[in-house]
PDB file of all heavy atoms in Angstrom:
ATOM      1  N   GLU A   1      -1.810   5.995  11.918  1.00  0.00           N
ATOM      2  CA  GLU A   1      -1.052   6.675  12.961  1.00  0.00           C
ATOM      3  C   GLU A   1      -0.088   7.688  12.408  1.00  0.00           C
ATOM      4  O   GLU A   1       0.180   8.745  13.013  1.00  0.00           O
ATOM      5  CB  GLU A   1      -0.280   5.679  13.829  1.00  0.00           C
ATOM      6  CG  GLU A   1      -1.147   4.934  14.821  1.00  0.00           C
ATOM      7  CD  GLU A   1      -0.348   3.875  15.603  1.00  0.00           C
ATOM      8  OE1 GLU A   1       0.912   3.717  15.364  1.00  0.00           O
ATOM      9  OE2 GLU A   1      -0.947   3.221  16.432  1.00  0.00           O
ATOM     10  N   LYS A   2       0.485   7.415  11.220  1.00  0.00           N
ATOM     11  CA  LYS A   2       1.456   8.332  10.619  1.00  0.00           C
ATOM     12  C   LYS A   2       0.736   9.387   9.730  1.00  0.00           C
ATOM     13  O   LYS A   2       1.398  10.244   9.157  1.00  0.00           O
ATOM     14  CB  LYS A   2       2.444   7.530   9.727  1.00  0.00           C
ATOM     15  CG  LYS A   2       3.310   6.558  10.502  1.00  0.00           C
ATOM     16  CD  LYS A   2       4.264   7.275  11.458  1.00  0.00           C
ATOM     17  CE  LYS A   2       5.129   6.256  12.117  1.00  0.00           C
ATOM     18  NZ  LYS A   2       6.286   6.816  12.796  1.00  0.00           N
ATOM     19  N   GLY A   3      -0.631   9.268   9.693  1.00  0.00           N
ATOM     20  CA  GLY A   3      -1.368  10.303   8.979  1.00  0.00           C
ATOM     21  C   GLY A   3      -1.500  10.157   7.474  1.00  0.00           C
ATOM     22  O   GLY A   3      -1.748  11.126   6.768  1.00  0.00           O
ATOM     23  N   TYR A   4      -1.242   8.921   6.991  1.00  0.00           N
ATOM     24  CA  TYR A   4      -1.321   8.667   5.584  1.00  0.00           C
ATOM     25  C   TYR A   4      -2.621   7.984   5.218  1.00  0.00           C
ATOM     26  O   TYR A   4      -3.102   7.157   5.958  1.00  0.00           O
ATOM     27  CB  TYR A   4      -0.179   7.806   5.094  1.00  0.00           C
ATOM     28  CG  TYR A   4       1.151   8.500   5.117  1.00  0.00           C
ATOM     29  CD1 TYR A   4       2.101   8.164   6.127  1.00  0.00           C
ATOM     30  CD2 TYR A   4       1.502   9.451   4.232  1.00  0.00           C
ATOM     31  CE1 TYR A   4       3.318   8.817   6.162  1.00  0.00           C
ATOM     32  CE2 TYR A   4       2.737  10.092   4.240  1.00  0.00           C
ATOM     33  CZ  TYR A   4       3.647   9.744   5.246  1.00  0.00           C
ATOM     34  OH  TYR A   4       4.848  10.355   5.266  1.00  0.00           O
ATOM     35  N   SER A   5      -3.240   8.373   4.068  1.00  0.00           N
ATOM     36  CA  SER A   5      -4.416   7.745   3.577  1.00  0.00           C
ATOM     37  C   SER A   5      -4.024   6.628   2.634  1.00  0.00           C
ATOM     38  O   SER A   5      -2.880   6.484   2.258  1.00  0.00           O
ATOM     39  CB  SER A   5      -5.303   8.761   2.780  1.00  0.00           C
ATOM     40  OG  SER A   5      -4.607   9.138   1.622  1.00  0.00           O
ATOM     41  N   VAL A   6      -4.986   5.799   2.243  1.00  0.00           N
ATOM     42  CA  VAL A   6      -4.762   4.790   1.260  1.00  0.00           C
ATOM     43  C   VAL A   6      -4.334   5.426  -0.063  1.00  0.00           C
ATOM     44  O   VAL A   6      -3.383   4.947  -0.721  1.00  0.00           O
ATOM     45  CB  VAL A   6      -6.006   3.892   0.994  1.00  0.00           C
ATOM     46  CG1 VAL A   6      -5.868   2.990  -0.217  1.00  0.00           C
ATOM     47  CG2 VAL A   6      -6.302   3.068   2.242  1.00  0.00           C
ATOM     48  N   ALA A   7      -4.904   6.519  -0.424  1.00  0.00           N
ATOM     49  CA  ALA A   7      -4.527   7.255  -1.621  1.00  0.00           C
ATOM     50  C   ALA A   7      -3.067   7.736  -1.542  1.00  0.00           C
ATOM     51  O   ALA A   7      -2.359   7.736  -2.547  1.00  0.00           O
ATOM     52  CB  ALA A   7      -5.481   8.437  -1.886  1.00  0.00           C
ATOM     53  N   ASP A   8      -2.634   8.158  -0.347  1.00  0.00           N
ATOM     54  CA  ASP A   8      -1.243   8.590  -0.204  1.00  0.00           C
ATOM     55  C   ASP A   8      -0.285   7.451  -0.446  1.00  0.00           C
ATOM     56  O   ASP A   8       0.719   7.594  -1.111  1.00  0.00           O
ATOM     57  CB  ASP A   8      -0.993   9.097   1.220  1.00  0.00           C
ATOM     58  CG  ASP A   8      -1.680  10.387   1.550  1.00  0.00           C
ATOM     59  OD1 ASP A   8      -1.906  11.227   0.612  1.00  0.00           O
ATOM     60  OD2 ASP A   8      -2.024  10.630   2.727  1.00  0.00           O
ATOM     61  N   LEU A   9      -0.618   6.233   0.110  1.00  0.00           N
ATOM     62  CA  LEU A   9       0.210   5.086  -0.081  1.00  0.00           C
ATOM     63  C   LEU A   9       0.242   4.642  -1.539  1.00  0.00           C
ATOM     64  O   LEU A   9       1.295   4.341  -2.068  1.00  0.00           O
ATOM     65  CB  LEU A   9      -0.356   3.978   0.826  1.00  0.00           C
ATOM     66  CG  LEU A   9       0.616   2.819   1.184  1.00  0.00           C
ATOM     67  CD1 LEU A   9       1.900   3.336   1.830  1.00  0.00           C
ATOM     68  CD2 LEU A   9      -0.077   1.864   2.135  1.00  0.00           C
ATOM     69  N   GLN A  10      -0.909   4.702  -2.142  1.00  0.00           N
ATOM     70  CA  GLN A  10      -1.020   4.352  -3.581  1.00  0.00           C
ATOM     71  C   GLN A  10      -0.156   5.302  -4.404  1.00  0.00           C
ATOM     72  O   GLN A  10       0.628   4.847  -5.239  1.00  0.00           O
ATOM     73  CB  GLN A  10      -2.522   4.541  -4.018  1.00  0.00           C
ATOM     74  CG  GLN A  10      -2.682   4.434  -5.507  1.00  0.00           C
ATOM     75  CD  GLN A  10      -4.087   4.954  -5.939  1.00  0.00           C
ATOM     76  OE1 GLN A  10      -4.959   5.150  -5.108  1.00  0.00           O
ATOM     77  NE2 GLN A  10      -4.231   5.161  -7.173  1.00  0.00           N
ATOM     78  N   ALA A  11      -0.196   6.585  -4.157  1.00  0.00           N
ATOM     79  CA  ALA A  11       0.607   7.560  -4.907  1.00  0.00           C
ATOM     80  C   ALA A  11       2.113   7.342  -4.623  1.00  0.00           C
ATOM     81  O   ALA A  11       2.906   7.412  -5.582  1.00  0.00           O
ATOM     82  CB  ALA A  11       0.191   8.968  -4.510  1.00  0.00           C
ATOM     83  N   TYR A  12       2.492   7.156  -3.374  1.00  0.00           N
ATOM     84  CA  TYR A  12       3.856   6.983  -3.029  1.00  0.00           C
ATOM     85  C   TYR A  12       4.492   5.720  -3.726  1.00  0.00           C
ATOM     86  O   TYR A  12       5.606   5.777  -4.250  1.00  0.00           O
ATOM     87  CB  TYR A  12       4.021   6.791  -1.497  1.00  0.00           C
ATOM     88  CG  TYR A  12       5.392   6.504  -1.039  1.00  0.00           C
ATOM     89  CD1 TYR A  12       6.343   7.517  -1.018  1.00  0.00           C
ATOM     90  CD2 TYR A  12       5.746   5.278  -0.546  1.00  0.00           C
ATOM     91  CE1 TYR A  12       7.632   7.297  -0.617  1.00  0.00           C
ATOM     92  CE2 TYR A  12       7.043   5.004  -0.115  1.00  0.00           C
ATOM     93  CZ  TYR A  12       7.971   6.032  -0.151  1.00  0.00           C
ATOM     94  OH  TYR A  12       9.267   5.825   0.313  1.00  0.00           O
ATOM     95  N   LEU A  13       3.681   4.680  -3.842  1.00  0.00           N
ATOM     96  CA  LEU A  13       4.132   3.441  -4.473  1.00  0.00           C
ATOM     97  C   LEU A  13       4.010   3.482  -5.978  1.00  0.00           C
ATOM     98  O   LEU A  13       4.421   2.524  -6.639  1.00  0.00           O
ATOM     99  CB  LEU A  13       3.390   2.242  -3.902  1.00  0.00           C
ATOM    100  CG  LEU A  13       3.656   2.011  -2.378  1.00  0.00           C
ATOM    101  CD1 LEU A  13       2.712   0.922  -1.862  1.00  0.00           C
ATOM    102  CD2 LEU A  13       5.100   1.663  -2.114  1.00  0.00           C
ATOM    103  N   GLY A  14       3.423   4.539  -6.530  1.00  0.00           N
ATOM    104  CA  GLY A  14       3.251   4.652  -7.959  1.00  0.00           C
ATOM    105  C   GLY A  14       2.253   3.661  -8.525  1.00  0.00           C
ATOM    106  O   GLY A  14       2.389   3.197  -9.674  1.00  0.00           O
ATOM    107  N   MET A  15       1.242   3.390  -7.761  1.00  0.00           N
ATOM    108  CA  MET A  15       0.227   2.380  -8.197  1.00  0.00           C
ATOM    109  C   MET A  15      -0.928   3.144  -8.870  1.00  0.00           C
ATOM    110  O   MET A  15      -1.304   4.221  -8.431  1.00  0.00           O
ATOM    111  CB  MET A  15      -0.283   1.613  -6.990  1.00  0.00           C
ATOM    112  CG  MET A  15       0.849   0.880  -6.283  1.00  0.00           C
ATOM    113  SD  MET A  15       0.352   0.255  -4.678  1.00  0.00           S
ATOM    114  CE  MET A  15      -0.642  -1.105  -5.178  1.00  0.00           C
ATOM    115  N   GLU A  16      -1.476   2.549  -9.908  1.00  0.00           N
ATOM    116  CA  GLU A  16      -2.532   3.161 -10.633  1.00  0.00           C
ATOM    117  C   GLU A  16      -3.844   3.142  -9.871  1.00  0.00           C
ATOM    118  O   GLU A  16      -4.664   4.032  -9.945  1.00  0.00           O
ATOM    119  CB  GLU A  16      -2.735   2.488 -12.010  1.00  0.00           C
ATOM    120  CG  GLU A  16      -3.638   3.217 -12.949  1.00  0.00           C
ATOM    121  CD  GLU A  16      -3.632   2.680 -14.373  1.00  0.00           C
ATOM    122  OE1 GLU A  16      -2.731   1.841 -14.686  1.00  0.00           O
ATOM    123  OE2 GLU A  16      -4.546   3.067 -15.126  1.00  0.00           O
ATOM    124  N   TYR A  17      -4.083   2.019  -9.167  1.00  0.00           N
ATOM    125  CA  TYR A  17      -5.348   1.805  -8.440  1.00  0.00           C
ATOM    126  C   TYR A  17      -5.047   1.467  -6.966  1.00  0.00           C
ATOM    127  O   TYR A  17      -4.005   0.873  -6.703  1.00  0.00           O
ATOM    128  CB  TYR A  17      -6.146   0.679  -9.073  1.00  0.00           C
ATOM    129  CG  TYR A  17      -6.512   0.944 -10.537  1.00  0.00           C
ATOM    130  CD1 TYR A  17      -5.822   0.228 -11.518  1.00  0.00           C
ATOM    131  CD2 TYR A  17      -7.470   1.836 -10.892  1.00  0.00           C
ATOM    132  CE1 TYR A  17      -6.070   0.473 -12.877  1.00  0.00           C
ATOM    133  CE2 TYR A  17      -7.749   2.077 -12.214  1.00  0.00           C
ATOM    134  CZ  TYR A  17      -7.047   1.433 -13.228  1.00  0.00           C
ATOM    135  OH  TYR A  17      -7.356   1.650 -14.495  1.00  0.00           O
ATOM    136  N   PRO A  18      -5.971   1.808  -6.053  1.00  0.00           N
ATOM    137  CA  PRO A  18      -5.730   1.533  -4.629  1.00  0.00           C
ATOM    138  C   PRO A  18      -6.125   0.160  -4.156  1.00  0.00           C
ATOM    139  O   PRO A  18      -5.867  -0.222  -3.014  1.00  0.00           O
ATOM    140  CB  PRO A  18      -6.684   2.612  -3.957  1.00  0.00           C
ATOM    141  CG  PRO A  18      -7.815   2.699  -4.882  1.00  0.00           C
ATOM    142  CD  PRO A  18      -7.233   2.550  -6.290  1.00  0.00           C
ATOM    143  N   GLN A  19      -6.703  -0.644  -5.072  1.00  0.00           N
ATOM    144  CA  GLN A  19      -7.199  -2.000  -4.613  1.00  0.00           C
ATOM    145  C   GLN A  19      -6.156  -2.863  -3.937  1.00  0.00           C
ATOM    146  O   GLN A  19      -6.452  -3.555  -2.959  1.00  0.00           O
ATOM    147  CB  GLN A  19      -7.812  -2.755  -5.791  1.00  0.00           C
ATOM    148  CG  GLN A  19      -9.154  -2.339  -6.225  1.00  0.00           C
ATOM    149  CD  GLN A  19      -9.184  -1.157  -7.101  1.00  0.00           C
ATOM    150  OE1 GLN A  19      -8.164  -0.573  -7.446  1.00  0.00           O
ATOM    151  NE2 GLN A  19     -10.364  -0.669  -7.506  1.00  0.00           N
ATOM    152  N   ALA A  20      -4.929  -2.815  -4.430  1.00  0.00           N
ATOM    153  CA  ALA A  20      -3.870  -3.646  -3.777  1.00  0.00           C
ATOM    154  C   ALA A  20      -3.703  -3.241  -2.330  1.00  0.00           C
ATOM    155  O   ALA A  20      -3.590  -4.122  -1.423  1.00  0.00           O
ATOM    156  CB  ALA A  20      -2.572  -3.482  -4.526  1.00  0.00           C
ATOM    157  N   VAL A  21      -3.714  -1.980  -2.012  1.00  0.00           N
ATOM    158  CA  VAL A  21      -3.583  -1.542  -0.633  1.00  0.00           C
ATOM    159  C   VAL A  21      -4.750  -2.047   0.210  1.00  0.00           C
ATOM    160  O   VAL A  21      -4.527  -2.592   1.302  1.00  0.00           O
ATOM    161  CB  VAL A  21      -3.455   0.028  -0.552  1.00  0.00           C
ATOM    162  CG1 VAL A  21      -3.396   0.462   0.921  1.00  0.00           C
ATOM    163  CG2 VAL A  21      -2.311   0.554  -1.327  1.00  0.00           C
ATOM    164  N   TYR A  22      -5.929  -1.963  -0.332  1.00  0.00           N
ATOM    165  CA  TYR A  22      -7.080  -2.518   0.401  1.00  0.00           C
ATOM    166  C   TYR A  22      -6.994  -4.007   0.604  1.00  0.00           C
ATOM    167  O   TYR A  22      -7.344  -4.508   1.667  1.00  0.00           O
ATOM    168  CB  TYR A  22      -8.416  -2.140  -0.332  1.00  0.00           C
ATOM    169  CG  TYR A  22      -8.776  -0.686  -0.217  1.00  0.00           C
ATOM    170  CD1 TYR A  22      -8.794   0.102  -1.384  1.00  0.00           C
ATOM    171  CD2 TYR A  22      -9.063  -0.105   0.975  1.00  0.00           C
ATOM    172  CE1 TYR A  22      -9.108   1.480  -1.293  1.00  0.00           C
ATOM    173  CE2 TYR A  22      -9.402   1.244   1.042  1.00  0.00           C
ATOM    174  CZ  TYR A  22      -9.410   2.037  -0.076  1.00  0.00           C
ATOM    175  OH  TYR A  22      -9.768   3.391   0.034  1.00  0.00           O
ATOM    176  N   HIS A  23      -6.472  -4.704  -0.367  1.00  0.00           N
ATOM    177  CA  HIS A  23      -6.288  -6.172  -0.269  1.00  0.00           C
ATOM    178  C   HIS A  23      -5.237  -6.463   0.835  1.00  0.00           C
ATOM    179  O   HIS A  23      -5.435  -7.406   1.593  1.00  0.00           O
ATOM    180  CB  HIS A  23      -5.848  -6.798  -1.592  1.00  0.00           C
ATOM    181  CG  HIS A  23      -6.963  -6.911  -2.583  1.00  0.00           C
ATOM    182  ND1 HIS A  23      -7.891  -7.945  -2.509  1.00  0.00           N
ATOM    183  CD2 HIS A  23      -7.294  -6.162  -3.619  1.00  0.00           C
ATOM    184  CE1 HIS A  23      -8.763  -7.826  -3.460  1.00  0.00           C
ATOM    185  NE2 HIS A  23      -8.415  -6.704  -4.211  1.00  0.00           N
ATOM    186  N   TRP A  24      -4.191  -5.698   0.848  1.00  0.00           N
ATOM    187  CA  TRP A  24      -3.146  -5.883   1.893  1.00  0.00           C
ATOM    188  C   TRP A  24      -3.768  -5.692   3.309  1.00  0.00           C
ATOM    189  O   TRP A  24      -3.543  -6.502   4.160  1.00  0.00           O
ATOM    190  CB  TRP A  24      -1.976  -4.933   1.767  1.00  0.00           C
ATOM    191  CG  TRP A  24      -1.253  -5.022   0.428  1.00  0.00           C
ATOM    192  CD1 TRP A  24      -1.165  -6.091  -0.404  1.00  0.00           C
ATOM    193  CD2 TRP A  24      -0.468  -3.962  -0.142  1.00  0.00           C
ATOM    194  NE1 TRP A  24      -0.414  -5.754  -1.502  1.00  0.00           N
ATOM    195  CE2 TRP A  24       0.036  -4.469  -1.344  1.00  0.00           C
ATOM    196  CE3 TRP A  24      -0.165  -2.656   0.241  1.00  0.00           C
ATOM    197  CZ2 TRP A  24       0.849  -3.688  -2.179  1.00  0.00           C
ATOM    198  CZ3 TRP A  24       0.643  -1.905  -0.606  1.00  0.00           C
ATOM    199  CH2 TRP A  24       1.155  -2.418  -1.804  1.00  0.00           C
ATOM    200  N   GLN A  25      -4.500  -4.592   3.452  1.00  0.00           N
ATOM    201  CA  GLN A  25      -5.126  -4.254   4.733  1.00  0.00           C
ATOM    202  C   GLN A  25      -6.158  -5.252   5.184  1.00  0.00           C
ATOM    203  O   GLN A  25      -6.354  -5.480   6.376  1.00  0.00           O
ATOM    204  CB  GLN A  25      -5.680  -2.861   4.709  1.00  0.00           C
ATOM    205  CG  GLN A  25      -4.662  -1.768   4.575  1.00  0.00           C
ATOM    206  CD  GLN A  25      -5.218  -0.348   4.634  1.00  0.00           C
ATOM    207  OE1 GLN A  25      -4.521   0.545   4.943  1.00  0.00           O
ATOM    208  NE2 GLN A  25      -6.474  -0.177   4.314  1.00  0.00           N
ATOM    209  N   ALA A  26      -6.803  -5.922   4.197  1.00  0.00           N
ATOM    210  CA  ALA A  26      -7.805  -6.928   4.555  1.00  0.00           C
ATOM    211  C   ALA A  26      -7.168  -8.319   4.786  1.00  0.00           C
ATOM    212  O   ALA A  26      -7.868  -9.252   5.158  1.00  0.00           O
ATOM    213  CB  ALA A  26      -8.800  -7.040   3.401  1.00  0.00           C
ATOM    214  N   GLY A  27      -5.853  -8.409   4.556  1.00  0.00           N
ATOM    215  CA  GLY A  27      -5.175  -9.664   4.775  1.00  0.00           C
ATOM    216  C   GLY A  27      -5.378 -10.701   3.692  1.00  0.00           C
ATOM    217  O   GLY A  27      -5.174 -11.857   3.841  1.00  0.00           O
ATOM    218  N   ARG A  28      -5.804 -10.195   2.506  1.00  0.00           N
ATOM    219  CA  ARG A  28      -6.014 -11.139   1.364  1.00  0.00           C
ATOM    220  C   ARG A  28      -4.665 -11.516   0.706  1.00  0.00           C
ATOM    221  O   ARG A  28      -4.540 -12.610   0.181  1.00  0.00           O
ATOM    222  CB  ARG A  28      -6.910 -10.510   0.359  1.00  0.00           C
ATOM    223  CG  ARG A  28      -8.335 -10.345   0.790  1.00  0.00           C
ATOM    224  CD  ARG A  28      -9.290  -9.881  -0.329  1.00  0.00           C
ATOM    225  NE  ARG A  28     -10.502  -9.400   0.260  1.00  0.00           N
ATOM    226  CZ  ARG A  28     -10.803  -8.089   0.307  1.00  0.00           C
ATOM    227  NH1 ARG A  28     -10.025  -7.163  -0.226  1.00  0.00           N
ATOM    228  NH2 ARG A  28     -11.928  -7.722   0.850  1.00  0.00           N
ATOM    229  N   ASN A  29      -3.729 -10.593   0.712  1.00  0.00           N
ATOM    230  CA  ASN A  29      -2.382 -10.868   0.233  1.00  0.00           C
ATOM    231  C   ASN A  29      -1.387  -9.878   0.860  1.00  0.00           C
ATOM    232  O   ASN A  29      -1.836  -9.069   1.625  1.00  0.00           O
ATOM    233  CB  ASN A  29      -2.309 -10.875  -1.283  1.00  0.00           C
ATOM    234  CG  ASN A  29      -2.810  -9.679  -1.929  1.00  0.00           C
ATOM    235  OD1 ASN A  29      -2.690  -8.548  -1.392  1.00  0.00           O
ATOM    236  ND2 ASN A  29      -3.506  -9.801  -3.061  1.00  0.00           N
ATOM    237  N   LEU A  30      -0.153 -10.024   0.556  1.00  0.00           N
ATOM    238  CA  LEU A  30       0.900  -9.209   1.146  1.00  0.00           C
ATOM    239  C   LEU A  30       1.591  -8.359   0.049  1.00  0.00           C
ATOM    240  O   LEU A  30       1.639  -8.720  -1.143  1.00  0.00           O
ATOM    241  CB  LEU A  30       1.965 -10.076   1.786  1.00  0.00           C
ATOM    242  CG  LEU A  30       1.485 -10.906   2.998  1.00  0.00           C
ATOM    243  CD1 LEU A  30       2.610 -11.896   3.376  1.00  0.00           C
ATOM    244  CD2 LEU A  30       1.239  -9.991   4.163  1.00  0.00           C
ATOM    245  N   PRO A  31       2.118  -7.174   0.429  1.00  0.00           N
ATOM    246  CA  PRO A  31       2.878  -6.390  -0.541  1.00  0.00           C
ATOM    247  C   PRO A  31       4.117  -7.154  -0.972  1.00  0.00           C
ATOM    248  O   PRO A  31       4.659  -7.998  -0.247  1.00  0.00           O
ATOM    249  CB  PRO A  31       3.288  -5.199   0.277  1.00  0.00           C
ATOM    250  CG  PRO A  31       2.587  -5.201   1.556  1.00  0.00           C
ATOM    251  CD  PRO A  31       2.074  -6.599   1.756  1.00  0.00           C
ATOM    252  N   SER A  32       4.603  -6.812  -2.177  1.00  0.00           N
ATOM    253  CA  SER A  32       5.877  -7.354  -2.631  1.00  0.00           C
ATOM    254  C   SER A  32       6.986  -6.899  -1.684  1.00  0.00           C
ATOM    255  O   SER A  32       6.817  -6.015  -0.882  1.00  0.00           O
ATOM    256  CB  SER A  32       6.191  -6.917  -4.051  1.00  0.00           C
ATOM    257  OG  SER A  32       6.480  -5.489  -3.980  1.00  0.00           O
ATOM    258  N   VAL A  33       8.124  -7.581  -1.739  1.00  0.00           N
ATOM    259  CA  VAL A  33       9.245  -7.149  -0.875  1.00  0.00           C
ATOM    260  C   VAL A  33       9.603  -5.714  -1.160  1.00  0.00           C
ATOM    261  O   VAL A  33       9.879  -4.900  -0.232  1.00  0.00           O
ATOM    262  CB  VAL A  33      10.428  -8.090  -1.086  1.00  0.00           C
ATOM    263  CG1 VAL A  33      11.654  -7.584  -0.323  1.00  0.00           C
ATOM    264  CG2 VAL A  33      10.126  -9.513  -0.662  1.00  0.00           C
ATOM    265  N   ASP A  34       9.629  -5.283  -2.440  1.00  0.00           N
ATOM    266  CA  ASP A  34       9.958  -3.911  -2.792  1.00  0.00           C
ATOM    267  C   ASP A  34       8.967  -2.904  -2.158  1.00  0.00           C
ATOM    268  O   ASP A  34       9.329  -1.907  -1.609  1.00  0.00           O
ATOM    269  CB  ASP A  34       9.949  -3.704  -4.271  1.00  0.00           C
ATOM    270  CG  ASP A  34      11.189  -4.333  -4.931  1.00  0.00           C
ATOM    271  OD1 ASP A  34      12.156  -4.648  -4.252  1.00  0.00           O
ATOM    272  OD2 ASP A  34      11.123  -4.547  -6.142  1.00  0.00           O
ATOM    273  N   HIS A  35       7.664  -3.242  -2.265  1.00  0.00           N
ATOM    274  CA  HIS A  35       6.665  -2.374  -1.692  1.00  0.00           C
ATOM    275  C   HIS A  35       6.720  -2.371  -0.166  1.00  0.00           C
ATOM    276  O   HIS A  35       6.613  -1.316   0.477  1.00  0.00           O
ATOM    277  CB  HIS A  35       5.264  -2.770  -2.165  1.00  0.00           C
ATOM    278  CG  HIS A  35       4.929  -2.314  -3.526  1.00  0.00           C
ATOM    279  ND1 HIS A  35       4.018  -2.957  -4.338  1.00  0.00           N
ATOM    280  CD2 HIS A  35       5.357  -1.255  -4.245  1.00  0.00           C
ATOM    281  CE1 HIS A  35       3.879  -2.347  -5.498  1.00  0.00           C
ATOM    282  NE2 HIS A  35       4.738  -1.291  -5.467  1.00  0.00           N
ATOM    283  N   LEU A  36       6.928  -3.518   0.432  1.00  0.00           N
ATOM    284  CA  LEU A  36       7.043  -3.593   1.857  1.00  0.00           C
ATOM    285  C   LEU A  36       8.198  -2.762   2.404  1.00  0.00           C
ATOM    286  O   LEU A  36       8.071  -2.058   3.363  1.00  0.00           O
ATOM    287  CB  LEU A  36       7.234  -5.100   2.312  1.00  0.00           C
ATOM    288  CG  LEU A  36       7.168  -5.427   3.748  1.00  0.00           C
ATOM    289  CD1 LEU A  36       5.750  -5.023   4.328  1.00  0.00           C
ATOM    290  CD2 LEU A  36       7.357  -6.911   3.967  1.00  0.00           C
ATOM    291  N   TYR A  37       9.312  -2.831   1.710  1.00  0.00           N
ATOM    292  CA  TYR A  37      10.487  -2.067   2.082  1.00  0.00           C
ATOM    293  C   TYR A  37      10.213  -0.564   1.956  1.00  0.00           C
ATOM    294  O   TYR A  37      10.480   0.251   2.843  1.00  0.00           O
ATOM    295  CB  TYR A  37      11.718  -2.486   1.207  1.00  0.00           C
ATOM    296  CG  TYR A  37      12.982  -1.758   1.583  1.00  0.00           C
ATOM    297  CD1 TYR A  37      13.619  -2.059   2.806  1.00  0.00           C
ATOM    298  CD2 TYR A  37      13.562  -0.849   0.748  1.00  0.00           C
ATOM    299  CE1 TYR A  37      14.778  -1.378   3.150  1.00  0.00           C
ATOM    300  CE2 TYR A  37      14.709  -0.170   1.105  1.00  0.00           C
ATOM    301  CZ  TYR A  37      15.314  -0.462   2.291  1.00  0.00           C
ATOM    302  OH  TYR A  37      16.509   0.236   2.629  1.00  0.00           O
ATOM    303  N   ALA A  38       9.583  -0.156   0.853  1.00  0.00           N
ATOM    304  CA  ALA A  38       9.279   1.280   0.626  1.00  0.00           C
ATOM    305  C   ALA A  38       8.251   1.728   1.665  1.00  0.00           C
ATOM    306  O   ALA A  38       8.396   2.864   2.186  1.00  0.00           O
ATOM    307  CB  ALA A  38       8.671   1.427  -0.789  1.00  0.00           C
ATOM    308  N   ILE A  39       7.260   0.913   1.983  1.00  0.00           N
ATOM    309  CA  ILE A  39       6.282   1.321   2.975  1.00  0.00           C
ATOM    310  C   ILE A  39       6.973   1.485   4.328  1.00  0.00           C
ATOM    311  O   ILE A  39       6.681   2.462   5.082  1.00  0.00           O
ATOM    312  CB  ILE A  39       5.150   0.225   3.096  1.00  0.00           C
ATOM    313  CG1 ILE A  39       4.288   0.230   1.841  1.00  0.00           C
ATOM    314  CG2 ILE A  39       4.303   0.472   4.333  1.00  0.00           C
ATOM    315  CD1 ILE A  39       3.404  -1.000   1.667  1.00  0.00           C
ATOM    316  N   SER A  40       7.898   0.623   4.672  1.00  0.00           N
ATOM    317  CA  SER A  40       8.635   0.750   5.956  1.00  0.00           C
ATOM    318  C   SER A  40       9.348   2.064   6.008  1.00  0.00           C
ATOM    319  O   SER A  40       9.410   2.695   7.072  1.00  0.00           O
ATOM    320  CB  SER A  40       9.542  -0.443   6.200  1.00  0.00           C
ATOM    321  OG  SER A  40      10.699  -0.345   5.409  1.00  0.00           O
TER     322      SER A  40
END
């Protein structure tokens, strides 16, 4: 809804690979508190 891609989120969070974002979106695990706060 905000117009961001998985790659955008990956870059914003300084992550080397996008897999963590895909895992979060699939409900396999949750972002760390730091990442959750930054995403918000």
